[in-house]
């Protein structure tokens, strides 16, 4: 992140990203769910300027 002030929203976004990444490790995850989670991760990373 290139922001100078770390906010509660920044923390929240990081926790959402971590939870999505953790969900990807579920062995019982369907391909459809996996694709959806990956799209959510990509979107969040763009919003966080991580792409």
PDB file of N, CA and C in Angstrom:
ATOM      1  N   UNK A   1       0.833  -1.186   0.000  1.00  0.00           N
ATOM      2  CA  UNK A   1       0.000   0.000   0.000  1.00  0.00           C
ATOM      3  C   UNK A   1       0.872   1.242   0.000  1.00  0.00           C
ATOM      4  N   UNK A   2       0.480   2.210  -0.763  1.00  0.00           N
ATOM      5  CA  UNK A   2       1.251   3.434  -0.841  1.00  0.00           C
ATOM      6  C   UNK A   2       0.640   4.558  -0.018  1.00  0.00           C
ATOM      7  N   UNK A   3      -0.333   4.240   0.793  1.00  0.00           N
ATOM      8  CA  UNK A   3      -0.981   5.253   1.621  1.00  0.00           C
ATOM      9  C   UNK A   3      -0.101   5.556   2.826  1.00  0.00           C
ATOM     10  N   UNK A   4      -0.133   6.803   3.253  1.00  0.00           N
ATOM     11  CA  UNK A   4       0.693   7.169   4.397  1.00  0.00           C
ATOM     12  C   UNK A   4       0.016   6.866   5.726  1.00  0.00           C
ATOM     13  N   UNK A   5      -1.307   6.902   5.767  1.00  0.00           N
ATOM     14  CA  UNK A   5      -2.033   6.610   7.009  1.00  0.00           C
ATOM     15  C   UNK A   5      -2.748   5.281   6.881  1.00  0.00           C
ATOM     16  N   UNK A   6      -2.494   4.425   7.834  1.00  0.00           N
ATOM     17  CA  UNK A   6      -3.124   3.109   7.861  1.00  0.00           C
ATOM     18  C   UNK A   6      -4.438   3.237   8.613  1.00  0.00           C
ATOM     19  N   UNK A   7      -5.529   2.920   7.934  1.00  0.00           N
ATOM     20  CA  UNK A   7      -6.856   3.134   8.518  1.00  0.00           C
ATOM     21  C   UNK A   7      -7.525   1.816   8.891  1.00  0.00           C
ATOM     22  N   UNK A   8      -8.617   1.934   9.583  1.00  0.00           N
ATOM     23  CA  UNK A   8      -9.426   0.759   9.928  1.00  0.00           C
ATOM     24  C   UNK A   8      -9.930   0.075   8.667  1.00  0.00           C
ATOM     25  N   UNK A   9     -10.246   0.854   7.664  1.00  0.00           N
ATOM     26  CA  UNK A   9     -10.704   0.289   6.406  1.00  0.00           C
ATOM     27  C   UNK A   9      -9.598  -0.525   5.734  1.00  0.00           C
ATOM     28  N   UNK A  10      -8.360  -0.041   5.810  1.00  0.00           N
ATOM     29  CA  UNK A  10      -7.223  -0.791   5.273  1.00  0.00           C
ATOM     30  C   UNK A  10      -7.109  -2.145   5.968  1.00  0.00           C
ATOM     31  N   UNK A  11      -7.227  -2.119   7.273  1.00  0.00           N
ATOM     32  CA  UNK A  11      -7.158  -3.354   8.055  1.00  0.00           C
ATOM     33  C   UNK A  11      -8.290  -4.301   7.660  1.00  0.00           C
ATOM     34  N   UNK A  12      -9.468  -3.755   7.535  1.00  0.00           N
ATOM     35  CA  UNK A  12     -10.637  -4.552   7.158  1.00  0.00           C
ATOM     36  C   UNK A  12     -10.417  -5.220   5.803  1.00  0.00           C
ATOM     37  N   UNK A  13      -9.925  -4.469   4.837  1.00  0.00           N
ATOM     38  CA  UNK A  13      -9.662  -5.024   3.510  1.00  0.00           C
ATOM     39  C   UNK A  13      -8.628  -6.146   3.579  1.00  0.00           C
ATOM     40  N   UNK A  14      -7.603  -5.962   4.383  1.00  0.00           N
ATOM     41  CA  UNK A  14      -6.583  -7.000   4.537  1.00  0.00           C
ATOM     42  C   UNK A  14      -7.174  -8.272   5.135  1.00  0.00           C
ATOM     43  N   UNK A  15      -8.035  -8.112   6.111  1.00  0.00           N
ATOM     44  CA  UNK A  15      -8.646  -9.287   6.745  1.00  0.00           C
ATOM     45  C   UNK A  15      -9.585 -10.009   5.781  1.00  0.00           C
ATOM     46  N   UNK A  16     -10.286  -9.258   4.957  1.00  0.00           N
ATOM     47  CA  UNK A  16     -11.153  -9.874   3.945  1.00  0.00           C
ATOM     48  C   UNK A  16     -10.296 -10.646   2.948  1.00  0.00           C
ATOM     49  N   UNK A  17      -9.202 -10.041   2.517  1.00  0.00           N
ATOM     50  CA  UNK A  17      -8.301 -10.702   1.577  1.00  0.00           C
ATOM     51  C   UNK A  17      -7.741 -11.991   2.169  1.00  0.00           C
ATOM     52  N   UNK A  18      -7.307 -11.936   3.402  1.00  0.00           N
ATOM     53  CA  UNK A  18      -6.784 -13.137   4.064  1.00  0.00           C
ATOM     54  C   UNK A  18      -7.841 -14.232   4.171  1.00  0.00           C
ATOM     55  N   UNK A  19      -9.053 -13.844   4.491  1.00  0.00           N
ATOM     56  CA  UNK A  19     -10.114 -14.848   4.621  1.00  0.00           C
ATOM     57  C   UNK A  19     -10.438 -15.487   3.268  1.00  0.00           C
ATOM     58  N   UNK A  20     -10.412 -14.683   2.208  1.00  0.00           N
ATOM     59  CA  UNK A  20     -10.653 -15.233   0.873  1.00  0.00           C
ATOM     60  C   UNK A  20      -9.537 -16.203   0.481  1.00  0.00           C
ATOM     61  N   UNK A  21      -8.304 -15.821   0.775  1.00  0.00           N
ATOM     62  CA  UNK A  21      -7.177 -16.699   0.465  1.00  0.00           C
ATOM     63  C   UNK A  21      -7.259 -18.000   1.263  1.00  0.00           C
ATOM     64  N   UNK A  22      -7.685 -17.897   2.492  1.00  0.00           N
ATOM     65  CA  UNK A  22      -7.839 -19.094   3.327  1.00  0.00           C
ATOM     66  C   UNK A  22      -8.927 -20.004   2.770  1.00  0.00           C
ATOM     67  N   UNK A  23     -10.017 -19.412   2.300  1.00  0.00           N
ATOM     68  CA  UNK A  23     -11.110 -20.204   1.729  1.00  0.00           C
ATOM     69  C   UNK A  23     -10.653 -21.002   0.506  1.00  0.00           C
ATOM     70  N   UNK A  24      -9.685 -20.473  -0.224  1.00  0.00           N
ATOM     71  CA  UNK A  24      -9.179 -21.170  -1.410  1.00  0.00           C
ATOM     72  C   UNK A  24      -8.497 -22.487  -1.056  1.00  0.00           C
ATOM     73  N   UNK A  25      -8.063 -22.639   0.169  1.00  0.00           N
ATOM     74  CA  UNK A  25      -7.372 -23.863   0.577  1.00  0.00           C
ATOM     75  C   UNK A  25      -8.329 -25.001   0.904  1.00  0.00           C
ATOM     76  N   UNK A  26      -9.615 -24.722   0.906  1.00  0.00           N
ATOM     77  CA  UNK A  26     -10.616 -25.751   1.202  1.00  0.00           C
ATOM     78  C   UNK A  26     -10.633 -26.798   0.084  1.00  0.00           C
ATOM     79  N   UNK A  27     -10.378 -28.034   0.441  1.00  0.00           N
ATOM     80  CA  UNK A  27     -10.330 -29.120  -0.544  1.00  0.00           C
ATOM     81  C   UNK A  27     -11.695 -29.419  -1.159  1.00  0.00           C
ATOM     82  N   UNK A  28     -12.756 -29.090  -0.469  1.00  0.00           N
ATOM     83  CA  UNK A  28     -14.109 -29.387  -0.944  1.00  0.00           C
ATOM     84  C   UNK A  28     -14.724 -28.249  -1.749  1.00  0.00           C
ATOM     85  N   UNK A  29     -13.937 -27.292  -2.100  1.00  0.00           N
ATOM     86  CA  UNK A  29     -14.421 -26.125  -2.821  1.00  0.00           C
ATOM     87  C   UNK A  29     -14.691 -26.485  -4.284  1.00  0.00           C
ATOM     88  N   UNK A  30     -15.864 -26.114  -4.766  1.00  0.00           N
ATOM     89  CA  UNK A  30     -16.192 -26.384  -6.172  1.00  0.00           C
ATOM     90  C   UNK A  30     -15.431 -25.419  -7.078  1.00  0.00           C
ATOM     91  N   UNK A  31     -15.309 -25.790  -8.342  1.00  0.00           N
ATOM     92  CA  UNK A  31     -14.624 -24.920  -9.309  1.00  0.00           C
ATOM     93  C   UNK A  31     -15.326 -23.576  -9.435  1.00  0.00           C
ATOM     94  N   UNK A  32     -16.638 -23.609  -9.408  1.00  0.00           N
ATOM     95  CA  UNK A  32     -17.420 -22.378  -9.517  1.00  0.00           C
ATOM     96  C   UNK A  32     -17.119 -21.449  -8.332  1.00  0.00           C
ATOM     97  N   UNK A  33     -17.099 -22.008  -7.131  1.00  0.00           N
ATOM     98  CA  UNK A  33     -16.782 -21.205  -5.938  1.00  0.00           C
ATOM     99  C   UNK A  33     -15.348 -20.684  -5.996  1.00  0.00           C
ATOM    100  N   UNK A  34     -14.454 -21.544  -6.444  1.00  0.00           N
ATOM    101  CA  UNK A  34     -13.047 -21.149  -6.539  1.00  0.00           C
ATOM    102  C   UNK A  34     -12.880 -19.968  -7.490  1.00  0.00           C
ATOM    103  N   UNK A  35     -13.527 -20.034  -8.632  1.00  0.00           N
ATOM    104  CA  UNK A  35     -13.461 -18.938  -9.599  1.00  0.00           C
ATOM    105  C   UNK A  35     -14.031 -17.653  -9.012  1.00  0.00           C
ATOM    106  N   UNK A  36     -15.124 -17.774  -8.307  1.00  0.00           N
ATOM    107  CA  UNK A  36     -15.747 -16.610  -7.687  1.00  0.00           C
ATOM    108  C   UNK A  36     -14.817 -15.971  -6.648  1.00  0.00           C
ATOM    109  N   UNK A  37     -14.207 -16.798  -5.840  1.00  0.00           N
ATOM    110  CA  UNK A  37     -13.283 -16.287  -4.816  1.00  0.00           C
ATOM    111  C   UNK A  37     -12.087 -15.615  -5.471  1.00  0.00           C
ATOM    112  N   UNK A  38     -11.559 -16.221  -6.519  1.00  0.00           N
ATOM    113  CA  UNK A  38     -10.418 -15.624  -7.217  1.00  0.00           C
ATOM    114  C   UNK A  38     -10.778 -14.256  -7.809  1.00  0.00           C
ATOM    115  N   UNK A  39     -11.969 -14.144  -8.344  1.00  0.00           N
ATOM    116  CA  UNK A  39     -12.424 -12.854  -8.864  1.00  0.00           C
ATOM    117  C   UNK A  39     -12.545 -11.825  -7.744  1.00  0.00           C
ATOM    118  N   UNK A  40     -13.066 -12.260  -6.608  1.00  0.00           N
ATOM    119  CA  UNK A  40     -13.178 -11.356  -5.455  1.00  0.00           C
ATOM    120  C   UNK A  40     -11.793 -10.902  -4.984  1.00  0.00           C
ATOM    121  N   UNK A  41     -10.846 -11.820  -4.984  1.00  0.00           N
ATOM    122  CA  UNK A  41      -9.476 -11.485  -4.574  1.00  0.00           C
ATOM    123  C   UNK A  41      -8.873 -10.465  -5.535  1.00  0.00           C
ATOM    124  N   UNK A  42      -9.036 -10.706  -6.824  1.00  0.00           N
ATOM    125  CA  UNK A  42      -8.495  -9.779  -7.827  1.00  0.00           C
ATOM    126  C   UNK A  42      -9.097  -8.387  -7.667  1.00  0.00           C
ATOM    127  N   UNK A  43     -10.398  -8.337  -7.472  1.00  0.00           N
ATOM    128  CA  UNK A  43     -11.083  -7.051  -7.309  1.00  0.00           C
ATOM    129  C   UNK A  43     -10.564  -6.320  -6.070  1.00  0.00           C
ATOM    130  N   UNK A  44     -10.457  -7.035  -4.971  1.00  0.00           N
ATOM    131  CA  UNK A  44      -9.997  -6.432  -3.735  1.00  0.00           C
ATOM    132  C   UNK A  44      -8.552  -5.971  -3.848  1.00  0.00           C
ATOM    133  N   UNK A  45      -7.713  -6.734  -4.505  1.00  0.00           N
ATOM    134  CA  UNK A  45      -6.319  -6.339  -4.683  1.00  0.00           C
ATOM    135  C   UNK A  45      -6.215  -5.072  -5.529  1.00  0.00           C
ATOM    136  N   UNK A  46      -7.073  -4.954  -6.533  1.00  0.00           N
ATOM    137  CA  UNK A  46      -7.086  -3.709  -7.329  1.00  0.00           C
ATOM    138  C   UNK A  46      -7.486  -2.527  -6.461  1.00  0.00           C
ATOM    139  N   UNK A  47      -8.520  -2.724  -5.633  1.00  0.00           N
ATOM    140  CA  UNK A  47      -8.980  -1.653  -4.757  1.00  0.00           C
ATOM    141  C   UNK A  47      -7.899  -1.262  -3.743  1.00  0.00           C
ATOM    142  N   UNK A  48      -7.109  -2.237  -3.351  1.00  0.00           N
ATOM    143  CA  UNK A  48      -6.041  -1.983  -2.383  1.00  0.00           C
ATOM    144  C   UNK A  48      -4.745  -1.523  -3.062  1.00  0.00           C
ATOM    145  N   UNK A  49      -4.803  -1.419  -4.390  1.00  0.00           N
ATOM    146  CA  UNK A  49      -3.653  -1.028  -5.201  1.00  0.00           C
ATOM    147  C   UNK A  49      -2.499  -2.009  -5.045  1.00  0.00           C
ATOM    148  N   UNK A  50      -2.838  -3.292  -5.053  1.00  0.00           N
ATOM    149  CA  UNK A  50      -1.835  -4.347  -4.919  1.00  0.00           C
ATOM    150  C   UNK A  50      -1.530  -5.034  -6.243  1.00  0.00           C
ATOM    151  N   UNK A  51      -2.246  -4.688  -7.282  1.00  0.00           N
ATOM    152  CA  UNK A  51      -2.073  -5.394  -8.562  1.00  0.00           C
ATOM    153  C   UNK A  51      -0.860  -4.942  -9.314  1.00  0.00           C
TER     154      UNK A  51
END
